[in-house]
Protein backbone atom coordinates (compact mmCIF):
# COMPACT_ATOMS: atom_id res chain seq x y z
CA MET A 1 38.21 109.95 153.38
CA HIS A 2 36.21 106.90 152.63
CA GLU A 3 32.99 108.70 151.14
CA ARG A 4 35.63 110.67 149.04
CA GLY A 5 37.06 107.03 147.55
CA ILE A 6 33.29 106.11 147.00
CA GLN A 7 32.58 109.35 145.21
CA ILE A 8 35.86 108.91 142.78
CA ARG A 9 34.68 105.35 141.82
CA ILE A 10 31.07 106.68 141.20
CA TRP A 11 32.81 109.44 138.72
CA PHE A 12 35.03 106.72 137.23
CA ILE A 13 32.08 104.62 136.56
CA ALA A 14 29.92 107.52 135.05
CA LEU A 15 33.04 108.21 133.00
CA LEU A 16 33.28 104.70 131.79
CA LEU A 17 29.77 104.75 130.72
CA LEU A 18 29.80 107.91 129.05
CA VAL A 19 32.90 106.64 126.82
CA SER A 20 31.19 103.44 126.24
CA PHE A 21 27.80 105.26 125.24
CA CYS A 22 29.88 107.37 122.86
CA GLY A 23 31.49 104.76 121.17
CA LEU A 24 28.14 102.92 120.50
CA GLY A 25 26.80 106.00 119.11
CA ALA A 26 29.82 106.74 116.78
CA LYS A 27 29.29 102.90 115.77
CA LEU A 28 25.63 103.44 114.76
CA CYS A 29 26.65 106.66 112.86
CA TYR A 30 29.27 104.90 110.95
CA LEU A 31 26.93 102.00 110.16
CA HIS A 32 24.13 104.39 109.11
CA LEU A 33 26.08 106.69 106.85
CA SER A 34 28.96 104.51 105.57
CA ASN A 35 29.31 102.48 102.51
CA HIS A 36 26.94 99.42 103.29
CA SER A 37 28.61 97.14 100.98
CA LYS A 38 31.88 97.58 102.22
CA VAL A 39 30.73 97.00 105.86
CA THR A 40 28.76 93.86 104.97
CA GLY A 41 31.33 92.66 102.69
CA ARG A 42 28.76 92.49 99.73
CA GLU A 43 30.32 95.26 97.60
CA TYR A 44 29.72 94.44 93.85
CA LYS A 45 32.17 95.80 91.22
CA ARG A 46 32.31 94.29 87.74
CA THR A 47 34.37 95.48 84.55
CA LEU A 48 32.44 95.40 81.58
CA LEU A 49 34.56 94.45 78.49
CA GLY A 50 34.52 96.38 75.43
CA LEU A 51 34.21 94.51 72.50
CA ARG A 52 37.22 94.41 69.92
CA GLY A 53 36.43 96.07 66.58
CA GLY A 54 35.45 93.76 63.47
CA ILE A 55 38.00 93.38 60.44
CA TYR A 56 35.91 93.33 56.92
CA ASP A 57 36.88 92.86 53.41
CA CYS A 58 36.31 95.59 50.85
CA ASN A 59 32.82 94.57 50.50
CA GLY A 60 31.90 95.60 54.04
CA LYS A 61 29.72 94.24 56.70
CA PRO A 62 28.14 91.29 54.86
CA TYR A 63 31.50 89.73 54.81
CA PRO A 64 33.50 89.81 58.23
CA MET A 65 36.74 88.58 58.43
CA ALA A 66 37.27 88.80 62.28
CA VAL A 67 34.47 89.57 64.89
CA SER A 68 34.31 89.70 68.75
CA LEU A 69 31.33 88.20 70.67
CA PRO A 70 30.63 88.35 74.30
CA ALA A 71 30.92 85.14 76.29
CA ARG A 72 31.31 83.62 79.48
CA LEU A 73 34.22 81.35 80.79
CA PHE A 74 33.19 78.67 83.11
CA TYR A 75 35.62 77.64 85.67
CA LEU A 76 35.26 75.23 88.69
CA ASP A 77 36.22 75.37 92.44
CA PRO A 78 36.23 71.82 94.00
CA LYS A 79 36.53 73.16 97.53
CA SER A 80 33.41 75.21 97.03
CA VAL A 81 30.99 72.64 96.39
CA LYS A 82 28.11 72.35 98.84
CA LYS A 83 27.96 69.04 100.82
CA GLU A 84 23.92 68.94 100.02
CA HIS A 85 24.56 69.20 96.66
CA ASP A 86 25.02 66.21 94.27
CA VAL A 87 28.42 66.31 92.67
CA GLY A 88 27.13 63.64 89.90
CA GLN A 89 24.25 65.69 89.10
CA ILE A 90 26.60 69.07 88.79
CA ALA A 91 28.91 67.10 86.44
CA ARG A 92 25.89 66.03 84.13
CA THR A 93 24.68 69.51 84.08
CA VAL A 94 28.09 71.15 83.09
CA SER A 95 28.71 68.22 80.55
CA GLN A 96 25.31 68.66 78.76
CA HIS A 97 25.87 72.65 78.24
CA LEU A 98 29.50 72.70 77.79
CA GLY A 99 29.71 69.73 75.55
CA LEU A 100 32.39 68.11 77.88
CA PRO A 101 32.69 64.36 78.67
CA GLU A 102 30.88 63.96 81.75
CA ALA A 103 33.88 61.53 82.81
CA GLU A 104 36.28 64.31 82.35
CA VAL A 105 34.01 66.79 84.61
CA GLN A 106 33.61 64.06 87.48
CA ALA A 107 37.58 64.02 87.38
CA GLN A 108 37.99 67.52 87.60
CA PHE A 109 35.72 67.72 90.87
CA ARG A 110 37.96 65.29 92.45
CA ARG A 111 41.22 67.61 91.94
CA THR A 112 42.59 68.94 95.15
CA ASP A 113 45.72 70.77 93.42
CA SER A 114 43.48 73.97 92.30
CA ARG A 115 40.67 76.07 92.98
CA TYR A 116 40.35 77.46 89.44
CA ILE A 117 39.86 74.69 86.85
CA LYS A 118 38.60 76.06 83.33
CA LEU A 119 35.63 74.26 82.02
CA GLY A 120 35.17 75.98 78.85
CA TYR A 121 33.26 78.91 77.42
CA SER A 122 29.49 79.41 75.99
CA LEU A 123 27.81 82.37 74.21
CA ASP A 124 24.49 81.33 75.50
CA ASP A 125 22.67 83.04 78.43
CA ARG A 126 20.88 80.24 78.86
CA VAL A 127 23.76 78.17 79.81
CA PHE A 128 24.66 80.82 82.42
CA GLU A 129 21.46 80.64 83.81
CA ALA A 130 21.63 76.73 84.18
CA LEU A 131 24.75 76.49 85.83
CA SER A 132 24.13 79.42 87.84
CA ASP A 133 21.35 77.84 89.86
CA PRO A 134 22.26 78.12 93.64
CA LEU A 135 19.70 75.41 94.46
CA THR A 136 21.33 72.81 92.69
CA ILE A 137 24.73 74.12 91.43
CA SER A 138 27.77 75.08 93.37
CA GLY A 139 31.11 75.06 92.78
CA VAL A 140 30.79 76.56 89.27
CA GLY A 141 31.55 80.24 88.55
CA ALA A 142 31.68 82.17 85.49
CA GLU A 143 33.76 85.04 84.09
CA GLU A 144 32.53 87.49 81.19
CA MET A 145 34.95 87.22 78.51
CA VAL A 146 35.42 88.27 74.81
CA ILE A 147 35.99 85.73 72.31
CA ARG A 148 37.34 86.49 68.79
CA ARG A 149 35.70 84.53 65.96
CA TYR A 150 37.19 84.48 62.08
CA PRO A 151 34.16 83.34 60.15
CA GLN A 152 36.09 82.64 57.03
CA GLY A 153 38.39 80.09 58.67
CA ARG A 154 41.79 79.96 57.54
CA ARG A 155 41.00 82.72 54.58
CA MET A 156 43.41 85.90 54.98
CA SER A 157 45.25 84.37 58.05
CA HIS A 158 48.68 85.92 57.52
CA VAL A 159 46.73 89.21 56.77
CA LEU A 160 44.40 89.12 59.38
CA GLY A 161 46.70 87.67 62.46
CA PHE A 162 45.31 86.42 65.55
CA VAL A 163 44.19 87.64 69.09
CA ASN A 164 46.18 85.74 72.06
CA ASN A 165 44.73 84.76 75.12
CA MET A 166 45.26 88.24 76.71
CA GLY A 167 42.98 89.85 74.44
CA VAL A 168 45.99 91.34 72.35
CA GLY A 169 46.92 91.39 68.40
CA GLY A 170 49.83 88.64 68.20
CA ALA A 171 50.27 89.10 64.34
CA GLY A 172 49.09 90.74 61.24
CA ILE A 173 46.35 93.57 61.13
CA GLU A 174 45.34 92.19 64.61
CA GLN A 175 48.89 93.35 66.00
CA GLN A 176 49.30 96.26 63.51
CA TYR A 177 45.89 98.06 64.82
CA ASN A 178 45.62 96.73 68.01
CA ARG A 179 45.03 100.14 69.70
CA TYR A 180 42.26 100.79 67.17
CA LEU A 181 40.48 97.41 67.41
CA THR A 182 40.73 97.14 71.49
CA GLY A 183 37.85 98.62 72.95
CA THR A 184 37.49 100.48 76.27
CA PRO A 185 36.05 98.52 79.43
CA GLY A 186 33.19 99.78 81.43
CA LEU A 187 32.47 99.60 85.10
CA ILE A 188 29.61 98.89 87.38
CA GLU A 189 29.99 99.33 91.13
CA GLY A 190 27.02 98.83 93.58
CA GLU A 191 25.70 95.90 95.93
CA LYS A 192 25.12 92.37 95.88
CA ASP A 193 22.84 89.92 97.20
CA ALA A 194 23.49 86.66 99.20
CA GLY A 195 23.66 84.81 95.74
CA ARG A 196 26.41 87.23 94.45
CA ARG A 197 24.01 88.93 92.29
CA GLU A 198 23.91 92.58 92.01
CA ILE A 199 21.10 94.63 93.48
CA PHE A 200 19.99 96.69 90.73
CA SER A 201 18.33 99.57 93.08
CA ARG A 202 21.63 99.94 94.73
CA ARG A 203 23.75 100.70 91.87
CA LYS A 204 26.00 103.50 92.26
CA VAL A 205 28.52 103.69 89.32
CA TYR A 206 27.75 102.80 85.64
CA VAL A 207 30.34 103.60 83.09
CA PRO A 208 29.18 101.85 79.60
CA PRO A 209 32.19 100.06 77.72
CA ILE A 210 33.17 101.39 73.99
CA ALA A 211 33.82 99.12 71.40
CA GLY A 212 36.88 99.26 69.39
CA SER A 213 36.86 100.63 65.78
CA ASP A 214 36.35 98.51 62.56
CA ILE A 215 38.74 98.20 60.13
CA TYR A 216 37.97 97.84 56.25
CA LEU A 217 40.35 96.24 54.08
CA THR A 218 41.41 96.66 50.28
CA LEU A 219 41.20 92.95 49.99
CA ASP A 220 38.24 91.13 48.26
CA HIS A 221 37.48 87.88 49.66
CA ARG A 222 36.50 86.27 46.20
CA ILE A 223 39.86 87.29 44.70
CA GLN A 224 41.62 86.03 47.93
CA PHE A 225 39.76 82.68 47.87
CA GLU A 226 41.00 82.10 44.36
CA VAL A 227 44.62 83.22 45.43
CA GLU A 228 44.81 80.96 48.33
CA ARG A 229 43.40 78.05 46.52
CA ALA A 230 45.67 78.32 43.56
CA ILE A 231 48.78 78.85 45.65
CA GLN A 232 47.81 75.71 47.83
CA GLU A 233 47.24 73.53 44.99
CA VAL A 234 50.79 74.36 43.26
CA VAL A 235 52.75 73.97 46.66
CA GLU A 236 51.23 70.65 46.88
CA LYS A 237 51.51 69.55 43.35
CA PHE A 238 55.32 70.15 43.21
CA ASP A 239 55.74 69.25 47.05
CA ALA A 240 57.04 72.73 47.57
CA LEU A 241 58.06 74.13 50.93
CA SER A 242 55.85 77.23 50.59
CA GLY A 243 54.39 79.63 48.02
CA TRP A 244 53.14 83.07 47.98
CA ALA A 245 50.86 85.18 45.87
CA ILE A 246 49.91 88.78 45.70
CA VAL A 247 47.37 90.78 43.50
CA GLN A 248 47.64 94.53 43.33
CA HIS A 249 45.53 97.41 41.74
CA VAL A 250 48.16 99.07 39.51
CA ARG A 251 46.84 102.61 39.68
CA THR A 252 46.14 103.00 43.28
CA GLY A 253 48.44 100.57 44.93
CA LYS A 254 45.66 98.55 46.73
CA ILE A 255 46.23 95.02 47.69
CA LEU A 256 43.45 92.88 46.23
CA ALA A 257 44.91 89.73 47.64
CA MET A 258 47.76 88.30 49.73
CA ALA A 259 48.13 84.79 50.47
CA SER A 260 51.00 82.54 51.89
CA PHE A 261 50.81 78.73 52.15
CA PRO A 262 51.23 76.90 54.43
CA ASP A 263 48.40 78.87 56.48
CA PHE A 264 46.93 78.65 59.87
CA GLU A 265 43.56 78.73 61.68
CA PRO A 266 43.67 82.04 63.58
CA GLU A 267 41.22 80.72 66.21
CA ASN A 268 43.59 77.85 66.90
CA TYR A 269 47.08 79.52 66.19
CA THR A 270 49.05 78.01 68.92
CA GLU A 271 48.77 74.59 67.19
CA THR A 272 51.22 75.88 64.45
CA THR A 273 54.65 77.07 64.75
CA LEU A 274 56.25 80.49 64.11
CA ASP A 275 57.44 80.17 60.86
CA VAL A 276 53.79 79.09 59.59
CA TRP A 277 52.56 82.64 61.14
CA ARG A 278 55.16 84.39 58.92
CA ASN A 279 53.63 86.12 55.97
CA ASN A 280 55.97 84.92 53.22
CA ALA A 281 54.88 87.59 50.74
CA LEU A 282 56.50 90.21 53.09
CA ALA A 283 59.14 88.31 55.22
CA ILE A 284 60.88 85.83 52.94
CA VAL A 285 63.89 87.66 51.22
CA TYR A 286 65.11 85.75 48.16
CA GLU A 287 66.98 86.22 45.11
CA PRO A 288 64.39 86.88 42.17
CA GLY A 289 66.40 85.40 39.34
CA SER A 290 65.15 86.62 35.76
CA ILE A 291 61.88 88.74 36.83
CA MET A 292 64.54 91.36 37.80
CA LYS A 293 65.65 91.54 33.89
CA ALA A 294 62.49 93.87 33.33
CA VAL A 295 63.98 96.49 35.65
CA THR A 296 67.46 96.14 34.10
CA VAL A 297 65.98 96.86 30.83
CA ALA A 298 63.81 100.06 31.84
CA ALA A 299 67.12 101.47 33.26
CA MET A 300 68.88 101.14 29.89
CA LEU A 301 65.80 102.67 28.08
CA ASN A 302 65.46 105.35 30.94
CA GLU A 303 69.14 106.54 30.62
CA ARG A 304 68.81 106.28 26.62
CA LEU A 305 71.82 103.66 26.65
CA ALA A 306 69.67 101.11 24.41
CA THR A 307 66.30 100.77 22.58
CA PRO A 308 64.16 97.89 22.36
CA THR A 309 66.02 97.40 18.86
CA THR A 310 69.69 97.58 20.44
CA GLU A 311 71.39 94.28 19.81
CA PHE A 312 73.82 92.52 22.07
CA GLU A 313 76.41 89.86 21.37
CA VAL A 314 75.51 86.59 23.12
CA GLY A 315 77.66 84.23 21.09
CA GLU A 316 77.76 80.44 21.74
CA GLY A 317 75.85 80.81 25.05
CA VAL A 318 78.77 81.02 27.16
CA TRP A 319 80.38 84.32 28.39
CA PHE A 320 83.45 84.56 30.89
CA TYR A 321 83.73 87.99 32.65
CA ALA A 322 86.12 88.39 35.80
CA GLY A 323 86.99 84.52 35.51
CA LYS A 324 83.50 83.43 35.92
CA PRO A 325 81.47 81.62 33.26
CA LEU A 326 77.68 82.83 32.62
CA ARG A 327 75.59 80.38 30.69
CA ASP A 328 72.71 81.07 28.22
CA HIS A 329 70.07 79.43 26.03
CA VAL A 330 70.36 81.48 23.35
CA TYR A 331 73.08 82.21 20.45
CA GLY A 332 74.52 85.17 18.39
CA ARG A 333 73.08 88.63 18.54
CA VAL A 334 69.92 89.41 20.16
CA THR A 335 67.88 92.46 20.74
CA VAL A 336 66.80 94.10 24.03
CA SER A 337 63.29 92.94 22.97
CA THR A 338 64.41 89.57 22.62
CA ALA A 339 66.90 89.18 25.60
CA LEU A 340 63.45 89.78 27.69
CA LYS A 341 61.36 87.14 25.48
CA LYS A 342 63.99 84.62 25.69
CA SER A 343 65.46 85.71 29.12
CA SER A 344 68.99 86.11 27.79
CA ASN A 345 71.50 86.05 31.08
CA ILE A 346 74.45 87.18 28.92
CA ALA A 347 72.65 90.08 26.93
CA CYS A 348 71.24 91.30 30.39
CA ALA A 349 74.43 90.93 32.25
CA LYS A 350 76.12 93.14 29.42
CA MET A 351 73.54 95.77 29.87
CA GLY A 352 74.44 96.13 33.59
CA LEU A 353 78.21 96.64 32.67
CA ARG A 354 76.89 99.36 30.20
CA LEU A 355 74.88 101.04 32.91
CA GLY A 356 77.85 100.62 35.61
CA ALA A 357 77.31 100.16 39.24
CA GLN A 358 76.35 103.36 40.48
CA ARG A 359 73.57 104.03 38.13
CA LEU A 360 72.38 100.42 38.42
CA GLU A 361 72.22 100.88 42.20
CA ASN A 362 70.58 104.35 41.93
CA TYR A 363 67.81 102.70 39.71
CA LEU A 364 67.55 99.59 41.89
CA ARG A 365 66.91 101.88 44.84
CA ALA A 366 64.54 104.25 42.83
CA PHE A 367 62.28 100.90 42.56
CA ASN A 368 62.52 100.94 46.44
CA PHE A 369 64.61 97.61 46.61
CA GLY A 370 66.58 97.31 49.67
CA SER A 371 63.99 99.12 51.61
CA LYS A 372 60.64 98.51 53.33
CA LEU A 373 57.45 100.00 51.23
CA GLY A 374 55.63 100.39 54.74
CA ILE A 375 52.61 98.07 54.16
CA GLU A 376 50.37 98.11 57.16
CA LEU A 377 51.58 94.74 58.56
CA PRO A 378 54.52 93.54 61.04
CA GLY A 379 57.15 91.52 59.51
CA GLU A 380 57.98 93.20 56.49
CA GLU A 381 61.68 92.67 55.29
CA ASN A 382 64.03 95.49 53.79
CA GLY A 383 65.49 93.07 51.32
CA ILE A 384 69.45 93.16 50.65
CA LEU A 385 71.20 95.36 48.30
CA ALA A 386 74.85 96.36 49.18
CA ARG A 387 76.32 99.95 48.18
CA ALA A 388 77.65 99.76 44.80
CA LYS A 389 80.96 100.98 46.46
CA ASP A 390 81.19 97.77 48.06
CA TRP A 391 80.25 95.60 44.94
CA ASP A 392 82.99 93.50 43.54
CA LYS A 393 83.67 93.11 40.00
CA LEU A 394 81.21 90.45 39.40
CA LYS A 395 78.14 92.09 40.77
CA PRO A 396 77.21 94.54 37.98
CA THR A 397 76.95 91.65 35.77
CA ARG A 398 74.86 89.18 38.20
CA ILE A 399 72.71 91.74 39.84
CA PRO A 400 70.92 92.47 36.57
CA ILE A 401 69.90 89.19 36.23
CA GLY A 402 68.53 88.79 39.93
CA GLN A 403 71.74 87.34 41.37
CA GLY A 404 73.48 88.96 44.39
CA ILE A 405 70.53 91.05 45.42
CA ALA A 406 67.56 89.70 47.74
CA VAL A 407 63.91 90.93 47.55
CA THR A 408 60.30 90.32 49.08
CA GLY A 409 57.46 89.53 46.86
CA LEU A 410 55.91 92.87 47.55
CA GLN A 411 58.85 94.71 46.28
CA MET A 412 59.04 92.60 42.93
CA ILE A 413 55.21 93.27 42.34
CA ASN A 414 55.22 96.86 43.10
CA ALA A 415 58.10 97.55 40.77
CA TYR A 416 55.93 95.55 37.96
CA SER A 417 52.93 97.47 39.14
CA THR A 418 55.11 100.80 38.53
CA LEU A 419 56.18 99.68 35.02
CA ALA A 420 52.25 98.86 34.61
CA ASN A 421 51.22 102.60 35.70
CA ASP A 422 53.57 104.44 33.55
CA GLY A 423 56.28 104.66 35.85
CA ARG A 424 54.28 105.92 38.70
CA MET A 425 55.22 103.90 41.89
CA MET A 426 52.15 104.10 44.21
CA ARG A 427 52.26 103.04 48.07
CA PRO A 428 50.95 99.67 48.57
CA TYR A 429 48.29 99.34 51.24
CA LEU A 430 45.97 97.10 52.64
CA VAL A 431 43.56 99.19 54.99
CA ASP A 432 41.18 101.33 53.35
CA ARG A 433 39.34 102.98 56.33
CA ILE A 434 38.89 103.00 60.01
CA VAL A 435 35.55 103.51 61.40
CA SER A 436 34.66 104.18 65.11
CA PRO A 437 31.76 102.69 67.08
CA SER A 438 29.94 106.06 66.42
CA GLY A 439 30.41 105.70 62.68
CA GLU A 440 33.04 108.41 62.22
CA THR A 441 35.63 107.59 59.62
CA VAL A 442 38.96 108.22 61.63
CA PHE A 443 41.24 107.10 58.86
CA GLN A 444 40.65 107.01 55.16
CA ALA A 445 43.52 105.90 52.72
CA ARG A 446 44.39 107.73 49.75
CA PRO A 447 46.33 106.59 46.87
CA GLU A 448 49.99 107.84 47.11
CA VAL A 449 52.67 108.39 44.50
CA ILE A 450 55.93 107.58 46.23
CA GLY A 451 58.42 107.78 43.14
CA ARG A 452 58.81 108.04 39.46
CA PRO A 453 61.83 105.57 38.47
CA VAL A 454 61.47 105.87 34.89
CA ARG A 455 59.66 108.06 32.11
CA PRO A 456 56.04 106.99 30.98
CA ASP A 457 57.54 106.26 27.34
CA VAL A 458 59.87 103.88 28.98
CA ALA A 459 57.45 102.11 30.95
CA ARG A 460 55.15 101.48 28.01
CA ALA A 461 58.13 100.10 25.84
CA VAL A 462 59.06 97.83 28.68
CA ARG A 463 55.28 96.79 28.87
CA GLU A 464 54.97 95.99 25.34
CA MET A 465 58.41 93.75 25.23
CA LEU A 466 57.01 91.89 28.46
CA THR A 467 54.00 91.01 26.26
CA GLY A 468 56.42 88.86 24.04
CA VAL A 469 57.32 86.73 27.07
CA THR A 470 53.99 85.38 27.14
CA GLU A 471 53.57 84.66 23.23
CA GLU A 472 54.63 81.71 21.38
CA GLY A 473 58.45 81.44 21.73
CA GLY A 474 58.63 83.31 25.27
CA THR A 475 59.25 81.64 28.27
CA GLY A 476 56.01 82.48 29.97
CA LYS A 477 53.31 81.24 27.45
CA ARG A 478 51.78 79.00 30.02
CA ALA A 479 50.75 82.37 31.88
CA ALA A 480 48.24 83.09 29.05
CA VAL A 481 44.52 84.36 30.24
CA PRO A 482 41.74 83.62 27.74
CA GLY A 483 40.45 86.73 26.06
CA PHE A 484 43.11 88.94 27.68
CA SER A 485 46.68 90.46 26.66
CA ILE A 486 49.19 89.93 29.36
CA GLY A 487 52.68 90.93 29.99
CA GLY A 488 54.95 89.42 32.37
CA LYS A 489 58.19 87.53 33.19
CA THR A 490 59.27 84.38 34.37
CA GLY A 491 62.25 83.89 37.05
CA THR A 492 64.07 80.88 38.23
CA ALA A 493 66.56 81.22 41.01
CA GLN A 494 68.64 78.98 42.81
CA LYS A 495 68.20 79.30 46.39
CA ALA A 496 71.09 80.86 48.48
CA VAL A 497 72.84 78.54 50.85
CA PRO A 498 76.14 79.06 53.06
CA GLY A 499 79.07 78.90 50.60
CA GLY A 500 77.07 79.59 47.50
CA TYR A 501 74.03 78.32 45.58
CA SER A 502 72.03 75.08 46.13
CA SER A 503 72.13 72.61 43.08
CA THR A 504 68.66 71.47 43.64
CA ASP A 505 66.37 73.98 45.29
CA TYR A 506 65.08 77.05 43.47
CA TYR A 507 62.60 79.54 43.72
CA ALA A 508 60.20 79.80 40.60
CA SER A 509 58.33 82.96 40.03
CA PHE A 510 56.11 84.66 37.51
CA VAL A 511 55.02 88.34 37.66
CA GLY A 512 53.05 90.37 35.27
CA PHE A 513 49.79 92.47 34.61
CA VAL A 514 46.46 92.58 32.94
CA PRO A 515 45.64 93.54 30.30
CA ALA A 516 48.90 94.23 28.54
CA GLY A 517 47.82 97.39 26.87
CA GLU A 518 46.15 99.36 29.73
CA PRO A 519 47.07 97.45 32.69
CA VAL A 520 44.63 97.19 35.68
CA PHE A 521 46.13 94.68 37.92
CA SER A 522 49.16 92.55 38.49
CA VAL A 523 49.86 89.64 39.76
CA LEU A 524 52.93 87.68 41.39
CA VAL A 525 53.49 84.27 42.03
CA SER A 526 56.38 82.92 44.05
CA VAL A 527 56.88 79.18 44.78
CA GLU A 528 60.05 77.98 47.12
CA ARG A 529 61.60 74.66 46.24
CA PRO A 530 59.33 73.08 43.87
CA ARG A 531 60.05 69.61 42.79
CA PRO A 532 60.86 67.96 40.44
CA GLN A 533 60.05 70.68 37.86
CA HIS A 534 61.57 73.85 39.00
CA THR A 535 61.39 76.83 36.56
CA GLY A 536 59.01 79.74 36.74
CA GLY A 537 57.66 79.00 33.41
CA PHE A 538 56.32 75.66 34.16
CA VAL A 539 55.56 76.14 37.97
CA SER A 540 54.38 79.48 38.40
CA ALA A 541 53.28 80.87 35.10
CA PRO A 542 49.96 78.77 34.93
CA VAL A 543 49.16 79.92 38.47
CA PHE A 544 49.54 83.57 37.48
CA GLY A 545 46.89 82.38 34.46
CA LYS A 546 44.37 81.06 36.95
CA ILE A 547 44.53 84.01 39.43
CA ALA A 548 44.49 86.60 36.57
CA ALA A 549 41.56 85.01 35.07
CA ALA A 550 39.77 84.91 38.33
CA THR A 551 40.58 88.47 38.97
CA ALA A 552 39.65 89.62 35.58
CA ARG A 553 36.16 88.03 36.06
CA TYR A 554 35.43 89.33 39.53
CA LEU A 555 36.58 93.09 38.50
CA ALA A 556 34.36 92.61 35.57
CA LEU A 557 36.97 93.44 32.94
CA ASP A 558 36.19 93.39 29.28
CA PRO A 559 38.35 91.29 27.19
CA ASP A 560 40.84 93.12 24.98
CA LEU A 561 41.57 90.16 22.65
CA PRO A 562 39.39 89.23 19.72
CA SER A 563 37.88 85.53 19.42
CA ASP A 564 40.45 84.06 17.31
CA GLU A 565 42.97 85.15 19.54
CA GLU A 566 41.18 84.07 22.68
CA ASP A 567 41.01 80.43 21.02
CA GLY A 568 44.72 80.92 20.53
CA LEU A 569 45.23 81.59 24.15
CA ASP A 570 43.14 78.68 25.17
CA ALA A 571 45.20 76.04 23.35
CA ALA A 572 48.24 77.68 24.92
CA GLN A 573 47.28 76.88 28.34
CA PRO A 574 48.84 73.81 29.80
């Protein structure tokens, strides 16, 4: 019995030894065959950031408007500073390479509330090497990042927009085309050494990043510069709230320049407010005033309800309709042509009555008022145009002179470009093409006709009448461009306020085209609440002249006026 007990114990011990050896063998096999980095805790994994695509003007690569660059963001973990390292020396090194005050860096080392304190970023690999020396530097880490740079500063800020701290477009083209601009991240997986550096011989996975597509705009940075300078000058000169201007190629619809002031620095967009980010050329909805009269005249001629020589009675300059007075600056009888030249309120109001509410609405919608044009930017507004069935008795006399209707600057210039283009309405656009990193053109814009609101002969007749506005005796003579014939219209509109209209605040506008006979481009200038002068002829017309002269120069247009007329135009400039 005793011997049997001994045998059992021997067999039990042998079994334990067998199980132990089997366990040890399994462990050794695991260590030998499994992923070593996971066992040792030295797995290396890094995401490679795909660079965001660039944005360029119509001149291409030499003139980048927005580019992305690889960089490293340096951060501090105060608790991971090694005891044997000199904190003061580390702070001095960080200060020297990141351009930070040494005292400020020293203070960060004393913090205990965070183990992730951002220090700054650098594009220089030498800075990374200096701040990654394990012998003298500890507590400082680096993360790869992509920074967005705007080499032209504030130029085109409302068109370009910005990229937020998550790398996502937050306004403008950056937002609208974010999916094209955003690159595709890559990946590296492998092992790292004791210094947290990759062991290249043990790399297991490498997926290269793919950059985003590049976007080429229709804007010309030279024209854009002139427009931005001119609109800033007029806003500051007249202590205005804001101003905006657009230059459009009439035959294609291309936007050559678009500016709004106040502007902002895209790289420092957080330093401004939401209203400054707004592109006023698209987002401010305002009553246009007398610049609407050209559309009214075009509708009259297209319906054959009048000719340029048809007369309307203006009387003593005051006309009562539906119990309300409408005042004017002209007397007696005026032709349709003179009504445009002198900007007669009464004559254009009577044209609206002759057209009738429904026909008037139809023409306004044919010119795309009351709906978006679909420009490639966020924030475009519809404007305000009620249905004719909802109009009161007064509306058919007020809308023809630009009251009781609200428009955007883009809608207004596109209407004048339509008249300049023989009645063909083009879709306005800003993006010419999108090119992939491989060089493939993934999108190419094409000019697109989106409407024909009036006949070609009508458009030409209205253009001819609009040239009179800028001649002696017209309201827009200050818009003169040396060497070129121009056509256009002034507009002065009281700002709508709750319960009526402001008695002190106005929108001053001028919109027109160059050259008048065969227009190539159109220009709109609008200024919000200029003081003390507030008329479109005084405030905005001279700005039109500056922008138009610069645009004609950059487009290398040949003057269409003889030298004696050039001298006259020079003399007409304020």
